[in-house]
Amino acid sequence: MRIEVFDVGHGGCALITAPNERRMMLDCGERWGDKRFWTPALHYCGQRIDLLALMNLDEDHLRNFGWLTQYCTVPWILTNPTVGLRELRILKKDGMGPGAKAFAKWLAAPKHGSGGTQPDFGPIRIRYYYCVFDPAANNKTNDLSLVVIVQYGSFKIVFAGDLEVAGWRRLLALPSFLLDLMGTNILVASHHGRENGCCAEIFKLFKPEIVLISDDERQYESQDTDDWYRNRCIGARLIANPAERRYVMTTRKDGSMRINVLPDGQWFLWPVQVPDFPLDPPPTAKPRQNPFSGLASVLQSSPPLGLDALNPFANALALDNRFRRA
């Protein structure tokens, strides 16, 4: 199994490739700089993403949704099934960005409820949990995040979305969730490692070897949680420098990362360079030399919303761990 965690600044985007080459993407954030940018839609343009899991419904997690579903084949989408179009509008009463608008359009579109094959990730076991949207409560988008647990052999990684402490505690009331957390090797910290996602109770159930944080440059004191997580980790050695033991890795310092997991549960982690794209292709570039050339300026406009042909991957129960169509 291969896991790639992409540097999208304050956002999220990761890809899991199973031994049978099936792919699961977690979130579809993107990164824009003054001169260069990276988006999953361009990186995987024309390719198939068998399952897209939207961990959180804020813009930093789904900004590229419209383009990804337009330029890649995405037959299955997993979201918190208790958040439909009505609930999304309540959560986004102050306005939606382009990613949320594209997702709202997808929610409103007709769905194909029959036909097609559910994604089969072979020996990879995927389980997910979520808090239920409560019409009578003050719902927070962060605490409605998915928590996705991926296991291959004895290796286990937990992606925690933007869950805050209150959301963690609600899920910790589920016995099956407690069992699934045990034995976690890698934790992808919730809410980009921010202080309000630091839940001490979960570390009574497991002590990860390393914590990964997907976040932008430090701007706020709430980002200074590296030591908090470090004190709760065993430490892991990197293939790039086996003599070094790391407890926390961040995209702001280490960039994108890759994890290779063997069938026996052994795993190897190292930083990788992921090609990005110039905002303005050089004038000397040959026409069509780069299949993505000319798209940079277009991608900065509102994403296309013609998503009627997509199938949903929703309404799955948290406890029975089965995928089924709506």
Protein backbone atom coordinates (compact mmCIF):
# COMPACT_ATOMS: atom_id res chain seq x y z
CA MET A 1 0.00 0.00 0.00
CA ARG A 2 1.19 3.49 -0.82
CA ILE A 3 0.04 6.62 0.99
CA GLU A 4 0.83 10.11 -0.24
CA VAL A 5 0.16 13.17 1.89
CA PHE A 6 0.33 16.29 -0.27
CA ASP A 7 1.45 19.72 0.81
CA VAL A 8 -1.58 21.94 0.27
CA GLY A 9 -0.79 24.42 3.02
CA HIS A 10 -3.69 24.91 5.43
CA GLY A 11 -5.83 22.22 3.87
CA GLY A 12 -5.92 18.52 3.20
CA CYS A 13 -5.29 16.10 0.35
CA ALA A 14 -3.95 12.56 0.58
CA LEU A 15 -4.08 9.54 -1.70
CA ILE A 16 -4.05 5.85 -0.79
CA THR A 17 -3.16 3.34 -3.50
CA ALA A 18 -4.06 -0.25 -2.66
CA PRO A 19 -2.02 -3.24 -3.84
CA ASN A 20 -4.60 -3.76 -6.60
CA GLU A 21 -3.97 -0.13 -7.76
CA ARG A 22 -7.39 1.10 -6.61
CA ARG A 23 -7.18 4.66 -5.31
CA MET A 24 -8.85 6.45 -2.44
CA MET A 25 -8.39 10.22 -2.11
CA LEU A 26 -9.02 11.95 1.20
CA ASP A 27 -10.02 15.58 0.67
CA CYS A 28 -9.21 17.70 -2.36
CA GLY A 29 -7.48 20.81 -1.11
CA GLU A 30 -5.12 22.77 -3.35
CA ARG A 31 -2.17 25.12 -2.99
CA TRP A 32 -1.67 28.46 -4.76
CA GLY A 33 1.50 30.54 -4.52
CA ASP A 34 2.64 33.71 -6.21
CA LYS A 35 4.29 31.83 -9.07
CA ARG A 36 3.35 28.15 -8.79
CA PHE A 37 0.36 26.05 -7.79
CA TRP A 38 -0.71 22.44 -7.22
CA THR A 39 -4.16 20.90 -7.48
CA PRO A 40 -5.22 17.25 -7.45
CA ALA A 41 -7.29 17.81 -10.59
CA LEU A 42 -4.16 18.63 -12.60
CA HIS A 43 -1.90 16.13 -10.89
CA TYR A 44 -4.33 13.29 -11.69
CA CYS A 45 -5.94 14.81 -14.79
CA GLY A 46 -7.70 12.13 -16.86
CA GLN A 47 -7.12 9.42 -14.25
CA ARG A 48 -9.49 7.46 -12.04
CA ILE A 49 -9.98 8.08 -8.33
CA ASP A 50 -12.08 5.13 -7.21
CA LEU A 51 -13.28 6.79 -4.02
CA LEU A 52 -13.14 10.40 -2.86
CA ALA A 53 -13.68 10.89 0.88
CA LEU A 54 -14.51 14.42 1.98
CA MET A 55 -13.29 14.50 5.54
CA ASN A 56 -14.52 18.02 6.22
CA LEU A 57 -16.86 20.32 4.29
CA ASP A 58 -14.87 23.52 4.71
CA GLU A 59 -13.23 25.15 1.72
CA ASP A 60 -9.67 24.10 2.55
CA HIS A 61 -10.72 20.45 2.23
CA LEU A 62 -12.91 20.61 -0.88
CA ARG A 63 -11.85 23.66 -2.87
CA ASN A 64 -10.79 21.54 -5.87
CA PHE A 65 -13.96 19.40 -5.81
CA GLY A 66 -15.54 20.87 -8.93
CA TRP A 67 -12.42 20.51 -11.05
CA LEU A 68 -11.47 17.10 -9.69
CA THR A 69 -14.86 15.63 -10.52
CA GLN A 70 -14.77 17.32 -13.94
CA TYR A 71 -11.31 16.22 -15.08
CA CYS A 72 -10.93 12.90 -13.26
CA THR A 73 -13.18 9.87 -13.08
CA VAL A 74 -14.66 9.83 -9.56
CA PRO A 75 -17.45 7.21 -9.41
CA TRP A 76 -17.84 7.10 -5.62
CA ILE A 77 -17.91 9.88 -3.03
CA LEU A 78 -17.96 9.41 0.74
CA THR A 79 -19.22 12.16 3.05
CA ASN A 80 -20.92 12.42 6.40
CA PRO A 81 -24.31 10.94 5.37
CA THR A 82 -26.23 13.07 7.88
CA VAL A 83 -25.23 16.24 6.02
CA GLY A 84 -27.36 16.74 2.92
CA LEU A 85 -28.07 19.87 0.93
CA ARG A 86 -30.34 21.39 3.58
CA GLU A 87 -27.80 20.76 6.34
CA LEU A 88 -24.96 22.11 4.21
CA ARG A 89 -26.85 25.34 3.64
CA ILE A 90 -27.37 25.68 7.39
CA LEU A 91 -23.66 25.10 8.04
CA LYS A 92 -22.72 27.57 5.29
CA LYS A 93 -25.28 30.24 6.08
CA ASP A 94 -22.53 32.88 5.90
CA GLY A 95 -21.63 31.95 2.33
CA MET A 96 -19.92 29.27 0.27
CA GLY A 97 -16.64 29.22 -1.58
CA PRO A 98 -16.21 27.58 -4.99
CA GLY A 99 -15.57 24.12 -3.54
CA ALA A 100 -18.65 24.21 -1.31
CA LYS A 101 -20.76 25.52 -4.19
CA ALA A 102 -19.63 22.66 -6.40
CA PHE A 103 -20.36 20.17 -3.64
CA ALA A 104 -23.81 21.70 -3.08
CA LYS A 105 -24.49 21.32 -6.80
CA TRP A 106 -23.47 17.69 -6.60
CA LEU A 107 -25.76 17.12 -3.61
CA ALA A 108 -28.68 18.65 -5.51
CA ALA A 109 -28.10 16.65 -8.67
CA PRO A 110 -29.95 13.39 -9.50
CA LYS A 111 -28.06 10.30 -8.36
CA HIS A 112 -27.77 6.93 -10.02
CA GLY A 113 -28.91 4.46 -7.40
CA SER A 114 -28.19 1.23 -9.27
CA GLY A 115 -25.46 -0.26 -11.38
CA GLY A 116 -21.72 0.01 -11.00
CA THR A 117 -19.33 -1.85 -8.77
CA GLN A 118 -18.44 -0.76 -5.30
CA PRO A 119 -14.74 0.04 -4.84
CA ASP A 120 -12.70 -3.00 -3.87
CA PHE A 121 -9.42 -2.19 -2.15
CA GLY A 122 -8.39 -5.81 -1.77
CA PRO A 123 -6.66 -6.47 1.57
CA ILE A 124 -7.02 -2.85 2.66
CA ARG A 125 -9.61 -2.44 5.41
CA ILE A 126 -11.29 0.97 5.60
CA ARG A 127 -13.57 2.07 8.40
CA TYR A 128 -15.02 5.49 9.07
CA TYR A 129 -16.94 7.30 11.79
CA TYR A 130 -18.80 10.58 12.09
CA CYS A 131 -20.93 12.63 14.47
CA VAL A 132 -24.57 12.98 13.49
CA PHE A 133 -25.95 16.37 12.45
CA ASP A 134 -28.45 17.41 15.11
CA PRO A 135 -31.14 19.87 13.91
CA ALA A 136 -31.71 21.01 17.49
CA ALA A 137 -28.04 21.69 18.25
CA ASN A 138 -25.47 24.28 17.26
CA ASN A 139 -23.64 22.10 14.75
CA LYS A 140 -19.99 22.79 13.90
CA THR A 141 -18.61 21.72 10.55
CA ASN A 142 -15.38 20.56 12.19
CA ASP A 143 -17.12 18.17 14.57
CA LEU A 144 -19.08 16.67 11.67
CA SER A 145 -15.80 15.54 10.09
CA LEU A 146 -15.22 11.98 9.02
CA VAL A 147 -12.57 10.00 10.85
CA VAL A 148 -11.17 7.43 8.42
CA ILE A 149 -9.14 4.47 9.68
CA VAL A 150 -7.11 2.54 7.11
CA GLN A 151 -5.51 -0.79 7.97
CA TYR A 152 -3.20 -3.04 5.94
CA GLY A 153 -1.93 -6.05 7.83
CA SER A 154 -0.84 -4.84 11.24
CA PHE A 155 -0.31 -1.26 10.01
CA LYS A 156 -2.96 1.32 10.85
CA ILE A 157 -3.26 5.03 9.99
CA VAL A 158 -5.97 7.38 11.25
CA PHE A 159 -7.09 10.47 9.30
CA ALA A 160 -9.01 12.69 11.71
CA GLY A 161 -10.33 15.46 9.46
CA ASP A 162 -10.95 18.70 11.36
CA LEU A 163 -12.42 17.04 14.44
CA GLU A 164 -12.22 19.19 17.58
CA VAL A 165 -12.13 17.91 21.16
CA ALA A 166 -15.92 17.91 21.53
CA GLY A 167 -16.27 15.78 18.40
CA TRP A 168 -13.57 13.36 19.55
CA ARG A 169 -15.41 12.88 22.84
CA ARG A 170 -18.70 12.15 21.11
CA LEU A 171 -17.08 9.45 19.00
CA LEU A 172 -15.22 8.01 21.99
CA ALA A 173 -18.63 6.98 23.34
CA LEU A 174 -18.74 4.33 20.57
CA PRO A 175 -17.11 1.04 21.69
CA SER A 176 -16.27 0.10 18.10
CA PHE A 177 -14.45 3.41 17.62
CA LEU A 178 -12.35 2.76 20.72
CA LEU A 179 -11.35 -0.65 19.39
CA ASP A 180 -10.52 0.71 15.95
CA LEU A 181 -8.19 3.37 17.38
CA MET A 182 -6.10 0.81 19.23
CA GLY A 183 -2.84 -0.11 17.53
CA THR A 184 -2.62 3.07 15.44
CA ASN A 185 0.85 3.57 13.95
CA ILE A 186 0.34 6.99 12.36
CA LEU A 187 -2.10 9.72 13.29
CA VAL A 188 -2.83 12.49 10.81
CA ALA A 189 -3.63 15.18 13.35
CA SER A 190 -7.11 16.65 13.39
CA HIS A 191 -7.71 20.28 12.43
CA HIS A 192 -4.22 20.70 10.97
CA GLY A 193 -2.68 20.13 14.38
CA ARG A 194 -4.48 23.12 15.89
CA GLU A 195 -4.85 23.26 19.64
CA ASN A 196 -8.64 22.78 19.59
CA GLY A 197 -8.14 19.37 17.97
CA CYS A 198 -5.75 18.08 20.65
CA CYS A 199 -7.71 15.42 22.54
CA ALA A 200 -5.64 13.82 25.30
CA GLU A 201 -8.15 11.00 25.85
CA ILE A 202 -7.36 9.26 22.55
CA PHE A 203 -3.77 8.67 23.61
CA LYS A 204 -4.99 6.46 26.43
CA LEU A 205 -5.99 4.02 23.68
CA PHE A 206 -2.88 4.14 21.52
CA LYS A 207 0.56 5.71 21.29
CA PRO A 208 1.41 6.36 17.64
CA GLU A 209 4.90 6.17 16.27
CA ILE A 210 4.49 9.51 14.56
CA VAL A 211 1.96 12.30 14.01
CA LEU A 212 1.62 14.02 10.63
CA ILE A 213 0.29 17.57 10.39
CA SER A 214 -0.99 19.17 7.18
CA ASP A 215 -0.80 22.92 7.68
CA ASP A 216 0.56 26.21 6.35
CA GLU A 217 3.29 28.43 7.77
CA ARG A 218 2.96 29.32 11.45
CA GLN A 219 0.79 32.38 12.00
CA TYR A 220 -1.01 31.68 15.28
CA GLU A 221 -0.12 30.32 18.71
CA SER A 222 -2.77 27.61 18.25
CA GLN A 223 -0.43 26.00 15.68
CA ASP A 224 2.33 25.45 18.24
CA THR A 225 1.34 21.89 19.14
CA ASP A 226 4.35 19.95 17.85
CA ASP A 227 5.71 19.38 21.37
CA TRP A 228 2.27 18.38 22.67
CA TYR A 229 2.06 15.61 20.06
CA ARG A 230 5.75 14.73 20.36
CA ASN A 231 5.30 13.84 24.02
CA ARG A 232 2.59 11.34 23.05
CA CYS A 233 4.52 9.48 20.32
CA ILE A 234 6.98 6.60 20.28
CA GLY A 235 9.03 8.00 17.41
CA ALA A 236 9.71 6.65 13.92
CA ARG A 237 12.78 6.41 11.72
CA LEU A 238 12.70 7.83 8.20
CA ILE A 239 13.97 5.97 5.19
CA ALA A 240 15.55 9.24 4.04
CA ASN A 241 17.67 9.35 7.21
CA PRO A 242 17.51 6.10 9.22
CA ALA A 243 19.67 7.62 11.94
CA GLU A 244 17.03 10.24 12.70
CA ARG A 245 14.01 9.54 14.87
CA ARG A 246 11.02 11.78 14.22
CA TYR A 247 7.91 12.19 16.33
CA VAL A 248 6.08 14.84 14.31
CA MET A 249 6.29 15.73 10.62
CA THR A 250 4.53 18.70 9.05
CA THR A 251 3.90 19.68 5.47
CA ARG A 252 5.01 23.22 6.33
CA LYS A 253 8.50 21.91 7.16
CA ASP A 254 8.81 18.58 5.36
CA GLY A 255 6.58 19.17 2.32
CA SER A 256 4.73 16.24 0.78
CA MET A 257 5.31 12.76 2.18
CA ARG A 258 5.09 9.16 1.07
CA ILE A 259 4.48 6.04 3.13
CA ASN A 260 5.05 2.57 1.70
CA VAL A 261 3.48 -0.28 3.66
CA LEU A 262 4.45 -3.92 3.16
CA PRO A 263 2.02 -6.84 3.59
CA ASP A 264 3.65 -7.80 6.88
CA GLY A 265 2.89 -4.35 8.33
CA GLN A 266 6.36 -2.87 7.99
CA TRP A 267 6.26 0.70 6.74
CA PHE A 268 8.63 3.36 5.48
CA LEU A 269 8.11 7.12 5.49
CA TRP A 270 10.02 9.87 3.72
CA PRO A 271 9.50 13.38 2.29
CA VAL A 272 9.03 13.57 -1.48
CA GLN A 273 9.10 16.28 -4.12
CA VAL A 274 5.77 16.53 -5.94
CA PRO A 275 5.84 18.42 -9.25
CA ASP A 276 3.72 21.55 -9.26
CA PHE A 277 2.78 23.92 -12.06
CA PRO A 278 3.76 27.46 -13.06
CA LEU A 279 1.03 30.07 -13.03
CA ASP A 280 2.30 31.36 -16.38
CA PRO A 281 3.99 28.84 -18.71
CA PRO A 282 7.26 30.16 -20.19
CA PRO A 283 6.75 31.79 -23.62
CA THR A 284 9.31 29.46 -25.20
CA ALA A 285 7.37 26.32 -24.26
CA LYS A 286 6.27 24.27 -27.23
CA PRO A 287 2.49 24.12 -27.81
CA ARG A 288 0.88 21.16 -26.07
CA GLN A 289 4.25 20.13 -24.60
CA ASN A 290 2.66 20.17 -21.17
CA PRO A 291 -0.87 18.74 -21.15
CA PHE A 292 -1.76 21.15 -18.37
CA SER A 293 -0.41 24.30 -20.00
CA GLY A 294 -3.00 27.01 -20.47
CA LEU A 295 -5.22 25.70 -17.69
CA ALA A 296 -3.69 27.68 -14.84
CA SER A 297 -5.60 30.88 -15.52
CA VAL A 298 -8.83 28.97 -16.11
CA LEU A 299 -8.54 27.12 -12.80
CA GLN A 300 -8.62 30.38 -10.90
CA SER A 301 -12.18 31.03 -12.06
CA SER A 302 -15.27 29.33 -10.64
CA PRO A 303 -15.18 25.54 -11.13
CA PRO A 304 -17.64 23.82 -13.46
CA LEU A 305 -20.74 22.47 -11.79
CA GLY A 306 -22.01 19.95 -14.34
CA LEU A 307 -21.86 16.98 -12.02
CA ASP A 308 -25.15 15.26 -12.80
CA ALA A 309 -23.49 12.05 -13.98
CA LEU A 310 -21.76 11.33 -10.68
CA ASN A 311 -22.80 8.56 -8.34
CA PRO A 312 -23.03 9.13 -4.58
CA PHE A 313 -21.07 7.30 -1.97
CA ALA A 314 -23.17 8.30 0.98
CA ASN A 315 -25.68 7.10 3.55
CA ALA A 316 -23.31 4.42 4.79
CA LEU A 317 -23.64 3.51 8.46
CA ALA A 318 -20.67 4.24 10.70
CA LEU A 319 -20.90 0.99 12.59
CA ASP A 320 -21.54 -1.61 9.94
CA ASN A 321 -18.61 -0.40 7.80
CA ARG A 322 -20.34 -1.23 4.52
CA PHE A 323 -20.36 0.86 1.37
CA ARG A 324 -23.70 1.12 -0.42
CA ARG A 325 -25.35 3.51 -2.83
CA ALA A 326 -28.01 5.96 -1.73
